[in-house]
């Protein structure tokens, strides 16, 4: 009788179960810095602040680079163009400084600060005609400094009509100051406007605040013009 041999089929081995990943009890925090959003105006002013800081520390080359960048973004930036001109003049580059101011004034002719800076540069260079060329303009709401410098230089150049208008503005800004009325009177007197000059001389005398010798001149001139 044949013997039947039964064979066992080998059971497949179970694959080892991979251990679950261990949780990190102290996971590292990844901080993503979101870039702060600034307006174009704010970014421009930040750049200007850095330029001013560099200039104040004596890093003129660095300041010039930053100021040129400001102007490349906004060529009408008053403080940047003014400081750039001052920086170049400080380096002894007169023409470069004036060119920067002239470039701005060709597009924005009523910027008082640029005109004053150019006038001061020329005045320092003993070129009063050059200085006056930047002041010989009627600006609305100009400062006391502008009118004062314009009046003084106009008198030196015997440009009495311009001096008259400048002194008139000064009398409006500081009506209690006798010296402004005196300057106005002399400007009128020099043009032969004697009746108007008498009134301004009288006002100057009434306001006072002048040297005794100046007061004597005023009183004598009033008497002479009345004859």
N, C-alpha and C. Protein backbone atom coordinates (compact mmCIF):
# COMPACT_ATOMS: atom_id res chain seq x y z
N UNK A 1 0.87 -1.17 0.00
CA UNK A 1 0.00 0.00 0.00
C UNK A 1 0.90 1.22 0.00
N UNK A 2 0.74 2.01 -0.99
CA UNK A 2 1.64 3.18 -1.08
C UNK A 2 1.43 4.15 0.06
N UNK A 3 2.54 4.69 0.47
CA UNK A 3 2.50 5.64 1.61
C UNK A 3 2.45 7.05 1.04
N UNK A 4 1.49 7.78 1.48
CA UNK A 4 1.36 9.19 1.02
C UNK A 4 2.06 10.10 2.00
N UNK A 5 2.98 10.81 1.48
CA UNK A 5 3.74 11.74 2.36
C UNK A 5 3.16 13.13 2.21
N UNK A 6 2.68 13.67 3.26
CA UNK A 6 2.10 15.02 3.25
C UNK A 6 3.18 16.05 3.64
N UNK A 7 3.31 17.05 2.80
CA UNK A 7 4.31 18.11 3.09
C UNK A 7 3.59 19.38 3.51
N UNK A 8 4.16 19.99 4.46
CA UNK A 8 3.60 21.26 4.95
C UNK A 8 4.12 22.42 4.10
N UNK A 9 3.19 23.21 3.68
CA UNK A 9 3.58 24.41 2.94
C UNK A 9 4.11 25.46 3.92
N UNK A 10 5.30 25.95 3.64
CA UNK A 10 5.91 26.92 4.59
C UNK A 10 5.09 28.20 4.63
N UNK A 11 4.75 28.61 5.80
CA UNK A 11 3.99 29.85 5.98
C UNK A 11 4.91 31.05 5.72
N UNK A 12 4.39 32.02 5.03
CA UNK A 12 5.24 33.21 4.78
C UNK A 12 5.59 33.93 6.07
N UNK A 13 6.82 34.31 6.10
CA UNK A 13 7.24 35.03 7.31
C UNK A 13 6.63 36.43 7.34
N UNK A 14 6.18 36.80 8.48
CA UNK A 14 5.58 38.13 8.64
C UNK A 14 6.69 39.19 8.61
N UNK A 15 6.42 40.25 7.84
CA UNK A 15 7.38 41.35 7.78
C UNK A 15 7.38 42.11 9.09
N UNK A 16 8.57 42.42 9.54
CA UNK A 16 8.63 43.17 10.81
C UNK A 16 7.96 44.52 10.67
N UNK A 17 7.25 44.87 11.67
CA UNK A 17 6.55 46.15 11.67
C UNK A 17 7.53 47.25 12.09
N UNK A 18 7.65 48.21 11.23
CA UNK A 18 8.57 49.33 11.54
C UNK A 18 8.03 50.12 12.72
N UNK A 19 8.92 50.44 13.63
CA UNK A 19 8.46 51.19 14.80
C UNK A 19 7.96 52.57 14.40
N UNK A 20 6.95 53.01 15.08
CA UNK A 20 6.40 54.35 14.82
C UNK A 20 7.45 55.40 15.16
N UNK A 21 7.54 56.42 14.34
CA UNK A 21 8.53 57.47 14.64
C UNK A 21 8.26 58.12 15.98
N UNK A 22 9.34 58.28 16.68
CA UNK A 22 9.19 58.89 18.01
C UNK A 22 8.89 60.36 17.87
N UNK A 23 8.01 60.79 18.67
CA UNK A 23 7.68 62.22 18.65
C UNK A 23 8.75 62.97 19.41
N UNK A 24 9.15 64.12 18.83
CA UNK A 24 10.17 64.95 19.47
C UNK A 24 9.51 65.79 20.56
N UNK A 25 9.89 65.51 21.77
CA UNK A 25 9.24 66.26 22.86
C UNK A 25 9.57 67.75 22.82
N UNK A 26 10.69 68.11 22.18
CA UNK A 26 11.07 69.52 22.09
C UNK A 26 11.31 69.90 20.63
N UNK A 27 10.26 69.97 19.86
CA UNK A 27 10.45 70.31 18.45
C UNK A 27 11.02 71.72 18.30
N UNK A 28 11.92 71.88 17.32
CA UNK A 28 12.49 73.19 17.07
C UNK A 28 11.46 74.07 16.38
N UNK A 29 11.37 75.29 16.87
CA UNK A 29 10.45 76.23 16.27
C UNK A 29 11.15 76.97 15.14
N UNK A 30 10.58 76.94 13.97
CA UNK A 30 11.14 77.66 12.83
C UNK A 30 10.39 78.97 12.69
N UNK A 31 11.11 80.05 12.90
CA UNK A 31 10.49 81.37 12.84
C UNK A 31 10.75 81.97 11.48
N UNK A 32 9.70 82.26 10.77
CA UNK A 32 9.82 82.87 9.46
C UNK A 32 9.50 84.36 9.61
N UNK A 33 10.49 85.15 9.36
CA UNK A 33 10.29 86.58 9.50
C UNK A 33 9.59 87.12 8.27
N UNK A 34 8.46 87.69 8.50
CA UNK A 34 7.76 88.31 7.38
C UNK A 34 8.31 89.72 7.21
N UNK A 35 8.66 90.03 5.99
CA UNK A 35 9.23 91.36 5.75
C UNK A 35 8.19 92.43 6.02
N UNK A 36 8.61 93.41 6.81
CA UNK A 36 7.69 94.49 7.14
C UNK A 36 7.40 95.29 5.88
N UNK A 37 6.19 95.70 5.79
CA UNK A 37 5.78 96.45 4.62
C UNK A 37 5.81 97.94 4.93
N UNK A 38 6.60 98.65 4.17
CA UNK A 38 6.68 100.09 4.31
C UNK A 38 6.17 100.73 3.03
N UNK A 39 5.61 101.89 3.19
CA UNK A 39 5.17 102.64 2.02
C UNK A 39 6.40 103.17 1.30
N UNK A 40 6.29 103.51 0.02
CA UNK A 40 7.43 104.09 -0.70
C UNK A 40 7.98 105.33 -0.01
N UNK A 41 7.08 106.13 0.55
CA UNK A 41 7.51 107.34 1.24
C UNK A 41 8.34 107.01 2.48
N UNK A 42 7.91 105.97 3.21
CA UNK A 42 8.63 105.57 4.41
C UNK A 42 10.01 105.02 4.08
N UNK A 43 10.09 104.21 3.02
CA UNK A 43 11.38 103.66 2.60
C UNK A 43 12.32 104.78 2.16
N UNK A 44 11.76 105.78 1.50
CA UNK A 44 12.55 106.91 1.04
C UNK A 44 13.11 107.69 2.22
N UNK A 45 12.28 107.91 3.22
CA UNK A 45 12.72 108.67 4.39
C UNK A 45 13.73 107.88 5.22
N UNK A 46 13.59 106.55 5.23
CA UNK A 46 14.59 105.73 5.92
C UNK A 46 15.94 105.87 5.25
N UNK A 47 15.94 105.86 3.93
CA UNK A 47 17.18 106.02 3.17
C UNK A 47 17.77 107.40 3.40
N UNK A 48 16.91 108.41 3.48
CA UNK A 48 17.36 109.77 3.72
C UNK A 48 17.97 109.89 5.12
N UNK A 49 17.36 109.24 6.08
CA UNK A 49 17.89 109.26 7.45
C UNK A 49 19.28 108.65 7.51
N UNK A 50 19.47 107.56 6.78
CA UNK A 50 20.78 106.90 6.74
C UNK A 50 21.81 107.80 6.06
N UNK A 51 21.38 108.48 5.00
CA UNK A 51 22.28 109.40 4.30
C UNK A 51 22.71 110.54 5.20
N UNK A 52 21.77 111.10 5.94
CA UNK A 52 22.07 112.19 6.87
C UNK A 52 23.02 111.72 7.96
N UNK A 53 22.79 110.51 8.45
CA UNK A 53 23.64 109.95 9.49
C UNK A 53 25.07 109.77 8.98
N UNK A 54 25.20 109.27 7.75
CA UNK A 54 26.54 109.09 7.16
C UNK A 54 27.24 110.44 7.00
N UNK A 55 26.48 111.42 6.56
CA UNK A 55 27.06 112.76 6.37
C UNK A 55 27.52 113.34 7.71
N UNK A 56 26.68 113.21 8.73
CA UNK A 56 27.01 113.75 10.05
C UNK A 56 28.25 113.09 10.64
N UNK A 57 28.47 111.81 10.29
CA UNK A 57 29.64 111.09 10.80
C UNK A 57 30.89 111.34 9.97
N UNK A 58 30.73 112.09 8.88
CA UNK A 58 31.88 112.39 8.05
C UNK A 58 32.11 111.40 6.92
N UNK A 59 31.18 110.45 6.74
CA UNK A 59 31.30 109.48 5.65
C UNK A 59 30.64 110.08 4.40
N UNK A 60 31.31 111.06 3.82
CA UNK A 60 30.69 111.84 2.75
C UNK A 60 30.43 111.00 1.50
N UNK A 61 31.38 110.16 1.12
CA UNK A 61 31.19 109.32 -0.07
C UNK A 61 29.98 108.43 0.08
N UNK A 62 29.85 107.84 1.25
CA UNK A 62 28.69 106.98 1.53
C UNK A 62 27.40 107.79 1.50
N UNK A 63 27.45 108.99 2.06
CA UNK A 63 26.27 109.86 2.06
C UNK A 63 25.87 110.23 0.65
N UNK A 64 26.86 110.57 -0.18
CA UNK A 64 26.58 110.95 -1.57
C UNK A 64 25.90 109.82 -2.32
N UNK A 65 26.37 108.61 -2.12
CA UNK A 65 25.77 107.45 -2.79
C UNK A 65 24.30 107.29 -2.40
N UNK A 66 24.03 107.43 -1.11
CA UNK A 66 22.66 107.28 -0.63
C UNK A 66 21.78 108.43 -1.13
N UNK A 67 22.32 109.63 -1.14
CA UNK A 67 21.54 110.79 -1.59
C UNK A 67 21.22 110.69 -3.08
N UNK A 68 22.18 110.20 -3.86
CA UNK A 68 21.91 109.99 -5.29
C UNK A 68 20.82 108.95 -5.49
N UNK A 69 20.80 107.95 -4.63
CA UNK A 69 19.76 106.92 -4.72
C UNK A 69 18.39 107.52 -4.40
N UNK A 70 18.36 108.40 -3.39
CA UNK A 70 17.09 109.07 -3.04
C UNK A 70 16.59 109.87 -4.23
N UNK A 71 17.49 110.62 -4.86
CA UNK A 71 17.09 111.46 -5.99
C UNK A 71 16.72 110.64 -7.22
N UNK A 72 17.28 109.44 -7.35
CA UNK A 72 16.90 108.59 -8.47
C UNK A 72 15.47 108.10 -8.32
N UNK A 73 15.00 108.08 -7.06
CA UNK A 73 13.62 107.68 -6.79
C UNK A 73 12.70 108.89 -6.83
N UNK A 74 13.17 110.00 -6.24
CA UNK A 74 12.36 111.22 -6.17
C UNK A 74 13.27 112.43 -6.37
N UNK A 75 13.34 112.93 -7.61
CA UNK A 75 14.27 114.02 -7.89
C UNK A 75 13.81 115.34 -7.29
N UNK A 76 12.61 115.39 -6.76
CA UNK A 76 12.12 116.60 -6.11
C UNK A 76 12.28 116.59 -4.61
N UNK A 77 13.04 115.62 -4.09
CA UNK A 77 13.24 115.55 -2.64
C UNK A 77 14.11 116.73 -2.21
N UNK A 78 13.50 117.67 -1.51
CA UNK A 78 14.16 118.95 -1.20
C UNK A 78 15.40 118.76 -0.35
N UNK A 79 15.27 118.03 0.76
CA UNK A 79 16.40 117.89 1.69
C UNK A 79 17.55 117.10 1.07
N UNK A 80 17.21 116.06 0.29
CA UNK A 80 18.26 115.22 -0.31
C UNK A 80 19.10 116.03 -1.30
N UNK A 81 18.44 116.77 -2.17
CA UNK A 81 19.19 117.55 -3.16
C UNK A 81 20.01 118.65 -2.49
N UNK A 82 19.45 119.25 -1.47
CA UNK A 82 20.17 120.31 -0.76
C UNK A 82 21.41 119.76 -0.07
N UNK A 83 21.25 118.63 0.62
CA UNK A 83 22.38 118.04 1.33
C UNK A 83 23.45 117.55 0.35
N UNK A 84 23.02 117.05 -0.80
CA UNK A 84 23.97 116.60 -1.80
C UNK A 84 24.82 117.76 -2.30
N UNK A 85 24.18 118.90 -2.53
CA UNK A 85 24.91 120.10 -2.97
C UNK A 85 25.89 120.55 -1.88
N UNK A 86 25.45 120.53 -0.64
CA UNK A 86 26.31 120.92 0.47
C UNK A 86 27.52 119.99 0.57
N UNK A 87 27.27 118.70 0.36
CA UNK A 87 28.35 117.71 0.44
C UNK A 87 29.40 117.97 -0.64
N UNK A 88 28.96 118.24 -1.87
CA UNK A 88 29.90 118.50 -2.95
C UNK A 88 30.66 119.81 -2.72
N UNK A 89 29.95 120.84 -2.23
CA UNK A 89 30.62 122.10 -1.97
C UNK A 89 31.67 121.94 -0.86
N UNK A 90 31.33 121.11 0.13
CA UNK A 90 32.28 120.83 1.20
C UNK A 90 33.54 120.15 0.70
N UNK A 91 33.43 119.47 -0.43
CA UNK A 91 34.59 118.84 -1.05
C UNK A 91 35.36 119.79 -1.96
N UNK A 92 34.87 121.02 -2.05
CA UNK A 92 35.52 121.99 -2.90
C UNK A 92 35.05 121.96 -4.34
N UNK A 93 33.95 121.25 -4.59
CA UNK A 93 33.41 121.13 -5.94
C UNK A 93 32.27 122.13 -6.14
N UNK A 94 32.63 123.40 -6.35
CA UNK A 94 31.65 124.47 -6.48
C UNK A 94 30.68 124.22 -7.63
N UNK A 95 31.23 123.94 -8.81
CA UNK A 95 30.39 123.78 -10.00
C UNK A 95 29.45 122.58 -9.87
N UNK A 96 29.95 121.51 -9.30
CA UNK A 96 29.11 120.33 -9.11
C UNK A 96 27.96 120.63 -8.16
N UNK A 97 28.25 121.35 -7.08
CA UNK A 97 27.22 121.72 -6.10
C UNK A 97 26.15 122.59 -6.74
N UNK A 98 26.59 123.61 -7.47
CA UNK A 98 25.64 124.52 -8.11
C UNK A 98 24.84 123.81 -9.19
N UNK A 99 25.50 122.91 -9.92
CA UNK A 99 24.81 122.17 -10.98
C UNK A 99 23.66 121.33 -10.42
N UNK A 100 23.89 120.74 -9.26
CA UNK A 100 22.86 119.92 -8.61
C UNK A 100 21.66 120.79 -8.25
N UNK A 101 21.92 121.98 -7.73
CA UNK A 101 20.84 122.90 -7.35
C UNK A 101 20.12 123.43 -8.58
N UNK A 102 20.89 123.78 -9.60
CA UNK A 102 20.29 124.31 -10.84
C UNK A 102 19.40 123.26 -11.51
N UNK A 103 19.84 122.02 -11.47
CA UNK A 103 19.05 120.95 -12.06
C UNK A 103 17.69 120.85 -11.36
N UNK A 104 17.70 120.98 -10.05
CA UNK A 104 16.44 120.93 -9.30
C UNK A 104 15.57 122.14 -9.59
N UNK A 105 16.19 123.32 -9.63
CA UNK A 105 15.43 124.55 -9.85
C UNK A 105 14.86 124.65 -11.26
N UNK A 106 15.49 123.96 -12.22
CA UNK A 106 14.95 123.97 -13.58
C UNK A 106 13.59 123.28 -13.63
N UNK A 107 13.35 122.38 -12.68
CA UNK A 107 12.06 121.67 -12.64
C UNK A 107 11.15 122.18 -11.53
N UNK A 108 11.76 122.64 -10.45
CA UNK A 108 10.98 123.14 -9.31
C UNK A 108 11.53 124.51 -8.91
N UNK A 109 11.20 125.55 -9.66
CA UNK A 109 11.83 126.87 -9.48
C UNK A 109 11.50 127.59 -8.18
N UNK A 110 10.47 127.16 -7.48
CA UNK A 110 10.04 127.88 -6.28
C UNK A 110 10.52 127.26 -4.97
N UNK A 111 11.50 126.36 -5.05
CA UNK A 111 12.02 125.76 -3.81
C UNK A 111 12.99 126.74 -3.16
N UNK A 112 12.55 127.36 -2.09
CA UNK A 112 13.34 128.40 -1.43
C UNK A 112 14.67 127.88 -0.89
N UNK A 113 14.65 126.70 -0.31
CA UNK A 113 15.87 126.16 0.31
C UNK A 113 17.00 126.04 -0.70
N UNK A 114 16.70 125.56 -1.90
CA UNK A 114 17.75 125.43 -2.92
C UNK A 114 18.27 126.80 -3.33
N UNK A 115 17.37 127.78 -3.46
CA UNK A 115 17.79 129.13 -3.84
C UNK A 115 18.67 129.75 -2.75
N UNK A 116 18.30 129.55 -1.51
CA UNK A 116 19.09 130.10 -0.41
C UNK A 116 20.47 129.45 -0.35
N UNK A 117 20.53 128.15 -0.54
CA UNK A 117 21.82 127.45 -0.49
C UNK A 117 22.73 127.93 -1.62
N UNK A 118 22.18 128.06 -2.82
CA UNK A 118 22.98 128.55 -3.95
C UNK A 118 23.45 129.98 -3.69
N UNK A 119 22.56 130.82 -3.17
CA UNK A 119 22.92 132.21 -2.88
C UNK A 119 24.03 132.28 -1.83
N UNK A 120 23.95 131.45 -0.81
CA UNK A 120 24.98 131.44 0.23
C UNK A 120 26.32 130.97 -0.31
N UNK A 121 26.28 129.99 -1.22
CA UNK A 121 27.51 129.50 -1.83
C UNK A 121 28.20 130.63 -2.60
N UNK A 122 27.43 131.33 -3.44
CA UNK A 122 28.01 132.41 -4.23
C UNK A 122 28.45 133.58 -3.35
N UNK A 123 27.69 133.85 -2.31
CA UNK A 123 28.06 134.94 -1.40
C UNK A 123 29.38 134.61 -0.71
N UNK A 124 29.53 133.36 -0.32
CA UNK A 124 30.77 132.93 0.32
C UNK A 124 31.94 133.02 -0.65
N UNK A 125 31.64 132.88 -1.93
CA UNK A 125 32.68 132.98 -2.96
C UNK A 125 32.88 134.43 -3.41
N UNK A 126 32.28 135.38 -2.66
CA UNK A 126 32.39 136.82 -2.96
C UNK A 126 31.80 137.18 -4.33
N UNK A 127 30.79 136.46 -4.72
CA UNK A 127 30.09 136.75 -5.97
C UNK A 127 28.66 137.15 -5.62
N UNK A 128 28.49 138.44 -5.26
CA UNK A 128 27.17 138.86 -4.77
C UNK A 128 26.15 138.95 -5.91
N UNK A 129 26.63 139.20 -7.12
CA UNK A 129 25.70 139.21 -8.25
C UNK A 129 25.16 137.81 -8.50
N UNK A 130 26.05 136.84 -8.40
CA UNK A 130 25.61 135.45 -8.53
C UNK A 130 24.63 135.07 -7.44
N UNK A 131 24.91 135.53 -6.23
CA UNK A 131 24.02 135.25 -5.10
C UNK A 131 22.65 135.86 -5.34
N UNK A 132 22.65 137.12 -5.80
CA UNK A 132 21.37 137.81 -5.99
C UNK A 132 20.53 137.18 -7.10
N UNK A 133 21.18 136.57 -8.08
CA UNK A 133 20.44 135.96 -9.19
C UNK A 133 19.49 134.87 -8.71
N UNK A 134 19.79 134.27 -7.56
CA UNK A 134 18.91 133.24 -7.02
C UNK A 134 17.82 133.82 -6.12
N UNK A 135 18.00 135.07 -5.72
CA UNK A 135 17.04 135.71 -4.82
C UNK A 135 16.10 136.67 -5.55
N UNK A 136 16.45 137.01 -6.76
CA UNK A 136 15.68 137.98 -7.53
C UNK A 136 14.43 137.34 -8.12
N UNK A 137 13.54 136.96 -7.24
CA UNK A 137 12.30 136.29 -7.62
C UNK A 137 11.27 136.56 -6.54
N UNK A 138 10.03 136.62 -6.93
CA UNK A 138 8.95 136.82 -5.95
C UNK A 138 8.42 135.45 -5.54
N UNK A 139 8.67 135.10 -4.31
CA UNK A 139 8.18 133.83 -3.77
C UNK A 139 7.04 134.11 -2.80
N UNK A 140 6.01 133.31 -2.91
CA UNK A 140 4.90 133.46 -1.96
C UNK A 140 5.26 132.74 -0.67
N UNK A 141 5.03 133.41 0.45
CA UNK A 141 5.27 132.82 1.76
C UNK A 141 6.73 132.44 1.99
N UNK A 142 7.65 133.27 1.52
CA UNK A 142 9.07 133.01 1.77
C UNK A 142 9.39 133.35 3.23
N UNK A 143 10.54 132.88 3.68
CA UNK A 143 10.92 133.06 5.09
C UNK A 143 11.56 134.43 5.33
N UNK A 144 11.67 134.75 6.59
CA UNK A 144 12.34 135.99 7.01
C UNK A 144 13.78 136.01 6.51
N UNK A 145 14.45 134.87 6.58
CA UNK A 145 15.85 134.79 6.14
C UNK A 145 15.98 135.11 4.65
N UNK A 146 15.05 134.62 3.85
CA UNK A 146 15.09 134.86 2.41
C UNK A 146 14.97 136.36 2.13
N UNK A 147 13.94 137.00 2.70
CA UNK A 147 13.72 138.43 2.44
C UNK A 147 14.86 139.28 3.00
N UNK A 148 15.40 138.88 4.14
CA UNK A 148 16.49 139.63 4.75
C UNK A 148 17.74 139.60 3.87
N UNK A 149 18.08 138.42 3.37
CA UNK A 149 19.25 138.29 2.51
C UNK A 149 19.04 139.01 1.17
N UNK A 150 17.83 138.88 0.64
CA UNK A 150 17.51 139.54 -0.62
C UNK A 150 17.61 141.06 -0.47
N UNK A 151 17.04 141.59 0.60
CA UNK A 151 17.06 143.04 0.82
C UNK A 151 18.48 143.56 0.99
N UNK A 152 19.29 142.86 1.77
CA UNK A 152 20.65 143.30 2.04
C UNK A 152 21.50 143.31 0.77
N UNK A 153 21.42 142.23 -0.01
CA UNK A 153 22.23 142.15 -1.23
C UNK A 153 21.73 143.13 -2.28
N UNK A 154 20.41 143.29 -2.37
CA UNK A 154 19.85 144.23 -3.35
C UNK A 154 20.34 145.65 -3.07
N UNK A 155 20.42 146.03 -1.81
CA UNK A 155 20.93 147.37 -1.47
C UNK A 155 22.39 147.53 -1.85
N UNK A 156 23.18 146.48 -1.61
CA UNK A 156 24.60 146.54 -1.97
C UNK A 156 24.79 146.71 -3.47
N UNK A 157 23.89 146.08 -4.22
CA UNK A 157 23.97 146.15 -5.68
C UNK A 157 23.21 147.36 -6.23
N UNK A 158 22.65 148.15 -5.33
CA UNK A 158 21.84 149.32 -5.71
C UNK A 158 20.64 148.92 -6.57
N UNK A 159 20.10 147.76 -6.26
CA UNK A 159 18.87 147.31 -6.91
C UNK A 159 17.73 147.70 -5.97
N UNK A 160 17.45 148.99 -5.94
CA UNK A 160 16.57 149.54 -4.91
C UNK A 160 15.11 149.10 -5.04
N UNK A 161 14.68 148.85 -6.24
CA UNK A 161 13.30 148.40 -6.39
C UNK A 161 13.10 147.02 -5.76
N UNK A 162 14.08 146.14 -5.97
CA UNK A 162 14.02 144.81 -5.35
C UNK A 162 14.17 144.92 -3.84
N UNK A 163 15.05 145.83 -3.42
CA UNK A 163 15.23 146.04 -1.98
C UNK A 163 13.94 146.54 -1.35
N UNK A 164 13.28 147.45 -2.03
CA UNK A 164 12.01 147.99 -1.52
C UNK A 164 10.99 146.89 -1.27
N UNK A 165 10.82 146.01 -2.26
CA UNK A 165 9.81 144.95 -2.11
C UNK A 165 10.20 143.96 -1.00
N UNK A 166 11.51 143.70 -0.88
CA UNK A 166 11.96 142.77 0.16
C UNK A 166 11.77 143.38 1.55
N UNK A 167 12.13 144.64 1.70
CA UNK A 167 11.95 145.29 3.01
C UNK A 167 10.46 145.44 3.36
N UNK A 168 9.64 145.64 2.36
CA UNK A 168 8.21 145.73 2.61
C UNK A 168 7.69 144.43 3.22
N UNK A 169 8.16 143.30 2.67
CA UNK A 169 7.75 142.00 3.21
C UNK A 169 8.28 141.83 4.63
N UNK A 170 9.48 142.34 4.89
CA UNK A 170 10.04 142.24 6.24
C UNK A 170 9.23 143.06 7.24
N UNK A 171 8.75 144.23 6.80
CA UNK A 171 7.93 145.04 7.71
C UNK A 171 6.60 144.35 8.02
N UNK A 172 6.16 143.51 7.11
CA UNK A 172 4.91 142.77 7.36
C UNK A 172 5.16 141.58 8.29
N UNK A 173 6.33 140.98 8.16
CA UNK A 173 6.65 139.84 9.00
C UNK A 173 7.03 140.27 10.41
N UNK A 174 7.75 141.39 10.52
CA UNK A 174 8.17 141.91 11.83
C UNK A 174 7.89 143.42 11.88
N UNK A 175 6.63 143.80 11.98
CA UNK A 175 6.27 145.23 11.90
C UNK A 175 6.84 146.08 13.02
N UNK A 176 7.26 145.49 14.11
CA UNK A 176 7.76 146.27 15.25
C UNK A 176 9.25 146.56 15.17
N UNK A 177 9.91 146.02 14.15
CA UNK A 177 11.36 146.20 14.05
C UNK A 177 11.68 147.44 13.22
N UNK A 178 12.26 148.44 13.88
CA UNK A 178 12.54 149.71 13.23
C UNK A 178 13.52 149.60 12.06
N UNK A 179 14.47 148.67 12.15
CA UNK A 179 15.48 148.56 11.08
C UNK A 179 14.87 148.19 9.74
N UNK A 180 13.80 147.38 9.75
CA UNK A 180 13.16 147.03 8.48
C UNK A 180 12.51 148.26 7.85
N UNK A 181 11.89 149.09 8.68
CA UNK A 181 11.27 150.32 8.18
C UNK A 181 12.34 151.28 7.67
N UNK A 182 13.49 151.29 8.32
CA UNK A 182 14.59 152.14 7.86
C UNK A 182 15.08 151.67 6.49
N UNK A 183 15.27 150.37 6.32
CA UNK A 183 15.69 149.84 5.04
C UNK A 183 14.70 150.15 3.94
N UNK A 184 13.42 150.04 4.30
CA UNK A 184 12.36 150.36 3.33
C UNK A 184 12.41 151.84 2.96
N UNK A 185 12.63 152.69 3.94
CA UNK A 185 12.69 154.13 3.70
C UNK A 185 13.86 154.50 2.79
N UNK A 186 15.03 153.92 3.06
CA UNK A 186 16.21 154.22 2.25
C UNK A 186 16.02 153.75 0.81
N UNK A 187 15.36 152.60 0.65
CA UNK A 187 15.11 152.08 -0.70
C UNK A 187 14.18 153.02 -1.47
N UNK A 188 13.18 153.54 -0.80
CA UNK A 188 12.26 154.50 -1.43
C UNK A 188 12.97 155.81 -1.72
N UNK A 189 13.73 156.26 -0.75
CA UNK A 189 14.47 157.51 -0.87
C UNK A 189 15.41 157.45 -2.08
N UNK A 190 16.09 156.33 -2.25
CA UNK A 190 17.06 156.17 -3.33
C UNK A 190 16.40 156.14 -4.71
N UNK A 191 15.11 155.89 -4.73
CA UNK A 191 14.37 155.87 -6.00
C UNK A 191 13.65 157.20 -6.26
N UNK A 192 13.81 158.13 -5.34
CA UNK A 192 13.13 159.41 -5.51
C UNK A 192 11.68 159.39 -5.09
N UNK A 193 11.26 158.37 -4.35
CA UNK A 193 9.89 158.30 -3.84
C UNK A 193 9.85 158.95 -2.46
N UNK A 194 9.99 160.27 -2.46
CA UNK A 194 10.25 160.98 -1.21
C UNK A 194 9.08 161.00 -0.24
N UNK A 195 7.87 161.17 -0.73
CA UNK A 195 6.72 161.20 0.18
C UNK A 195 6.56 159.87 0.91
N UNK A 196 6.68 158.78 0.16
CA UNK A 196 6.57 157.45 0.77
C UNK A 196 7.76 157.21 1.71
N UNK A 197 8.93 157.74 1.33
CA UNK A 197 10.12 157.56 2.17
C UNK A 197 9.95 158.25 3.51
N UNK A 198 9.36 159.45 3.51
CA UNK A 198 9.13 160.18 4.75
C UNK A 198 8.29 159.35 5.71
N UNK A 199 7.24 158.75 5.20
CA UNK A 199 6.35 157.94 6.05
C UNK A 199 7.10 156.76 6.67
N UNK A 200 7.96 156.11 5.87
CA UNK A 200 8.71 154.97 6.39
C UNK A 200 9.78 155.41 7.38
N UNK A 201 10.41 156.57 7.11
CA UNK A 201 11.38 157.11 8.07
C UNK A 201 10.69 157.42 9.40
N UNK A 202 9.51 158.01 9.33
CA UNK A 202 8.76 158.34 10.54
C UNK A 202 8.37 157.08 11.31
N UNK A 203 7.99 156.06 10.58
CA UNK A 203 7.63 154.80 11.24
C UNK A 203 8.85 154.19 11.90
N UNK A 204 10.00 154.25 11.22
CA UNK A 204 11.24 153.71 11.78
C UNK A 204 11.59 154.44 13.08
N UNK A 205 11.43 155.74 13.07
CA UNK A 205 11.73 156.53 14.27
C UNK A 205 10.78 156.18 15.41
N UNK A 206 9.52 155.96 15.07
CA UNK A 206 8.52 155.62 16.09
C UNK A 206 8.78 154.23 16.69
N UNK A 207 9.25 153.31 15.86
CA UNK A 207 9.51 151.95 16.36
C UNK A 207 10.75 151.92 17.24
N UNK A 208 11.74 152.74 16.91
CA UNK A 208 12.95 152.82 17.73
C UNK A 208 13.81 151.56 17.60
N UNK A 209 14.60 151.36 18.67
CA UNK A 209 15.47 150.18 18.68
C UNK A 209 16.71 150.34 17.83
N UNK A 210 17.05 151.60 17.46
CA UNK A 210 18.21 151.84 16.62
C UNK A 210 19.25 152.64 17.38
N UNK A 211 20.47 152.64 16.87
CA UNK A 211 21.53 153.42 17.51
C UNK A 211 21.20 154.91 17.45
N UNK A 212 21.80 155.67 18.38
CA UNK A 212 21.54 157.11 18.43
C UNK A 212 21.98 157.79 17.13
N UNK A 213 23.09 157.34 16.59
CA UNK A 213 23.56 157.93 15.33
C UNK A 213 22.59 157.64 14.19
N UNK A 214 21.98 156.46 14.21
CA UNK A 214 21.00 156.10 13.17
C UNK A 214 19.75 156.93 13.34
N UNK A 215 19.32 157.13 14.59
CA UNK A 215 18.15 157.95 14.85
C UNK A 215 18.38 159.39 14.39
N UNK A 216 19.60 159.90 14.60
CA UNK A 216 19.92 161.26 14.15
C UNK A 216 19.81 161.35 12.63
N UNK A 217 20.31 160.33 11.95
CA UNK A 217 20.23 160.30 10.49
C UNK A 217 18.77 160.32 10.03
N UNK A 218 17.95 159.51 10.67
CA UNK A 218 16.53 159.43 10.30
C UNK A 218 15.84 160.78 10.49
N UNK A 219 16.05 161.38 11.65
CA UNK A 219 15.40 162.67 11.93
C UNK A 219 15.87 163.77 10.98
N UNK A 220 17.17 163.77 10.69
CA UNK A 220 17.70 164.78 9.76
C UNK A 220 17.16 164.58 8.35
N UNK A 221 17.05 163.30 7.96
CA UNK A 221 16.57 163.04 6.60
C UNK A 221 15.10 163.42 6.46
N UNK A 222 14.33 163.20 7.49
CA UNK A 222 12.91 163.60 7.44
C UNK A 222 12.80 165.11 7.22
N UNK A 223 13.61 165.86 7.98
CA UNK A 223 13.57 167.32 7.85
C UNK A 223 14.01 167.78 6.46
N UNK A 224 15.03 167.12 5.91
CA UNK A 224 15.52 167.49 4.59
C UNK A 224 14.48 167.22 3.50
N UNK A 225 13.80 166.09 3.62
CA UNK A 225 12.80 165.73 2.60
C UNK A 225 11.53 166.58 2.70
N UNK A 226 11.28 167.13 3.85
CA UNK A 226 10.10 167.98 4.03
C UNK A 226 10.31 169.41 3.50
N UNK A 227 11.54 169.79 3.29
CA UNK A 227 11.82 171.16 2.83
C UNK A 227 11.47 171.34 1.35
